[in-house]
Amino acid sequence: MMNKYLKTYKMFESLSVDGDIIVSDIKDILLPLDDIGLNTEASREFYSPTEEEEIYIRLINYNTKEILFWDDIKDEILRLIDYLKGSRFELLEVNVALNHEEGTYNARRRFNNLDYIIRNKDKAFSYFSISFNKI
């Protein structure tokens, strides 16, 4: 008799709603970076076969006249990391393309933390991405 009172739900239903809210919050956190002319993107993806959830954030500087440094994005990125840690996500990977003096950029470099970027905060870059996975 008690079965008629049990609520049915689809697998990952609550995860989907929470994930959409998280992506919306990320976009709000990144708004100041949009204001300085960066193209910001945030997305949520699932990877088979484990259906592991990952959050992916990408910042691109299309404005070749402006140079982007770590100090330009530091506050928002650190706030983003704190927010996602509180939502049970951990930093998975950081990708960056550093500018050469003549304005071109190196191939993207991949790291598993922010140490390299913080140590080289005086170097300009044109591309920055960071991804997190659910823990």
Protein backbone atom coordinates (compact mmCIF):
# COMPACT_ATOMS: atom_id res chain seq x y z
CA MET A 1 0.00 0.00 0.00
CA MET A 2 2.82 2.46 0.73
CA ASN A 3 4.12 2.26 -2.84
CA LYS A 4 1.50 4.69 -4.11
CA TYR A 5 3.06 7.43 -1.98
CA LEU A 6 6.60 6.95 -3.23
CA LYS A 7 7.72 9.63 -5.65
CA THR A 8 9.25 8.35 -8.88
CA TYR A 9 12.06 10.23 -10.57
CA LYS A 10 14.37 9.88 -13.52
CA MET A 11 17.99 9.06 -12.93
CA PHE A 12 20.11 12.25 -12.68
CA GLU A 13 16.95 14.40 -12.46
CA SER A 14 18.12 16.34 -9.40
CA LEU A 15 21.67 16.44 -10.74
CA SER A 16 20.42 18.08 -13.93
CA VAL A 17 18.55 20.83 -12.09
CA ASP A 18 21.48 21.47 -9.75
CA GLY A 19 23.90 21.44 -12.67
CA ASP A 20 21.87 24.03 -14.57
CA ILE A 21 21.85 26.27 -11.51
CA ILE A 22 25.61 25.83 -11.09
CA VAL A 23 26.26 26.82 -14.73
CA SER A 24 24.02 29.86 -14.29
CA ASP A 25 25.93 30.85 -11.13
CA ILE A 26 29.25 30.40 -12.96
CA LYS A 27 28.08 32.74 -15.72
CA ASP A 28 27.16 35.31 -13.06
CA ILE A 29 30.61 34.98 -11.45
CA LEU A 30 32.25 35.52 -14.86
CA LEU A 31 30.22 38.63 -15.78
CA PRO A 32 33.01 41.07 -14.80
CA LEU A 33 35.27 39.28 -17.31
CA ASP A 34 32.66 39.76 -20.04
CA ASP A 35 32.68 43.44 -19.12
CA ILE A 36 36.41 43.72 -19.87
CA GLY A 37 35.90 42.16 -23.31
CA LEU A 38 36.62 38.48 -22.74
CA ASN A 39 34.52 35.82 -24.37
CA THR A 40 33.46 33.55 -21.49
CA GLU A 41 31.79 30.18 -21.81
CA ALA A 42 30.60 27.71 -19.19
CA SER A 43 29.17 24.27 -19.89
CA ARG A 44 28.33 21.04 -18.15
CA GLU A 45 29.10 17.70 -19.73
CA PHE A 46 28.68 14.03 -18.93
CA TYR A 47 31.18 11.44 -20.02
CA SER A 48 30.26 7.83 -20.76
CA PRO A 49 30.36 5.08 -19.67
CA THR A 50 30.46 6.31 -16.06
CA GLU A 51 28.33 9.42 -16.71
CA GLU A 52 30.86 11.44 -14.73
CA GLU A 53 29.85 15.09 -14.55
CA GLU A 54 32.34 17.79 -15.54
CA ILE A 55 32.11 21.59 -15.57
CA TYR A 56 34.14 23.34 -18.27
CA ILE A 57 34.92 27.08 -18.32
CA ARG A 58 36.69 28.82 -21.18
CA LEU A 59 37.97 32.41 -21.48
CA ILE A 60 39.19 33.72 -24.82
CA ASN A 61 40.71 37.11 -25.51
CA TYR A 62 39.68 37.92 -29.11
CA ASN A 63 40.74 41.54 -28.73
CA THR A 64 44.33 41.50 -29.97
CA LYS A 65 44.89 45.09 -28.81
CA GLU A 66 44.36 44.19 -25.18
CA ILE A 67 46.74 41.91 -23.29
CA LEU A 68 45.36 39.58 -20.66
CA PHE A 69 47.25 38.79 -17.46
CA TRP A 70 46.53 36.55 -14.46
CA ASP A 71 45.76 39.60 -12.31
CA ASP A 72 42.95 40.50 -14.76
CA ILE A 73 41.04 37.28 -14.04
CA LYS A 74 42.42 36.17 -10.66
CA ASP A 75 39.54 37.33 -8.46
CA GLU A 76 36.83 35.66 -10.56
CA ILE A 77 38.78 32.41 -11.03
CA LEU A 78 39.55 32.06 -7.32
CA ARG A 79 35.92 32.86 -6.47
CA LEU A 80 34.82 30.26 -9.03
CA ILE A 81 37.10 27.60 -7.51
CA ASP A 82 35.76 28.30 -4.00
CA TYR A 83 32.16 28.17 -5.25
CA LEU A 84 32.66 24.88 -7.08
CA LYS A 85 34.48 23.29 -4.14
CA GLY A 86 31.39 24.08 -2.06
CA SER A 87 29.29 22.35 -4.74
CA ARG A 88 31.48 19.23 -4.51
CA PHE A 89 33.58 19.78 -7.62
CA GLU A 90 37.37 19.58 -7.74
CA LEU A 91 39.83 21.20 -10.12
CA LEU A 92 40.65 18.77 -12.89
CA GLU A 93 42.68 20.66 -15.47
CA VAL A 94 43.87 24.12 -16.52
CA ASN A 95 44.80 25.00 -20.12
CA VAL A 96 46.50 28.23 -21.12
CA ALA A 97 48.04 29.73 -24.27
CA LEU A 98 50.73 32.26 -23.42
CA ASN A 99 51.41 35.17 -25.81
CA HIS A 100 54.80 35.76 -27.41
CA GLU A 101 56.12 39.29 -27.49
CA GLU A 102 55.04 39.68 -31.11
CA GLY A 103 51.43 38.88 -30.18
CA THR A 104 51.22 35.28 -31.38
CA TYR A 105 50.69 32.49 -28.90
CA ASN A 106 52.27 29.18 -28.00
CA ALA A 107 50.48 25.91 -28.25
CA ARG A 108 48.19 25.41 -25.29
CA ARG A 109 49.78 24.12 -22.13
CA ARG A 110 47.92 21.79 -19.78
CA PHE A 111 48.26 21.70 -15.99
CA ASN A 112 46.44 20.09 -13.08
CA ASN A 113 46.63 23.20 -10.86
CA LEU A 114 47.14 26.97 -11.04
CA ASP A 115 50.77 26.98 -9.82
CA TYR A 116 52.35 27.60 -13.23
CA ILE A 117 49.98 30.45 -14.04
CA ILE A 118 50.50 32.11 -10.66
CA ARG A 119 54.31 31.79 -10.95
CA ASN A 120 54.14 33.33 -14.45
CA LYS A 121 51.57 35.99 -13.67
CA ASP A 122 53.56 38.62 -15.57
CA LYS A 123 53.13 36.70 -18.87
CA ALA A 124 50.20 37.56 -21.10
CA PHE A 125 47.86 34.94 -22.51
CA SER A 126 45.08 34.77 -25.05
CA TYR A 127 43.32 31.59 -23.93
CA PHE A 128 42.45 30.16 -20.52
CA SER A 129 40.26 27.19 -19.69
CA ILE A 130 39.60 25.36 -16.49
CA SER A 131 37.63 22.20 -15.86
CA PHE A 132 36.24 20.56 -12.74
CA ASN A 133 34.79 17.14 -12.06
CA LYS A 134 32.19 16.09 -9.53
CA ILE A 135 33.56 14.39 -6.41
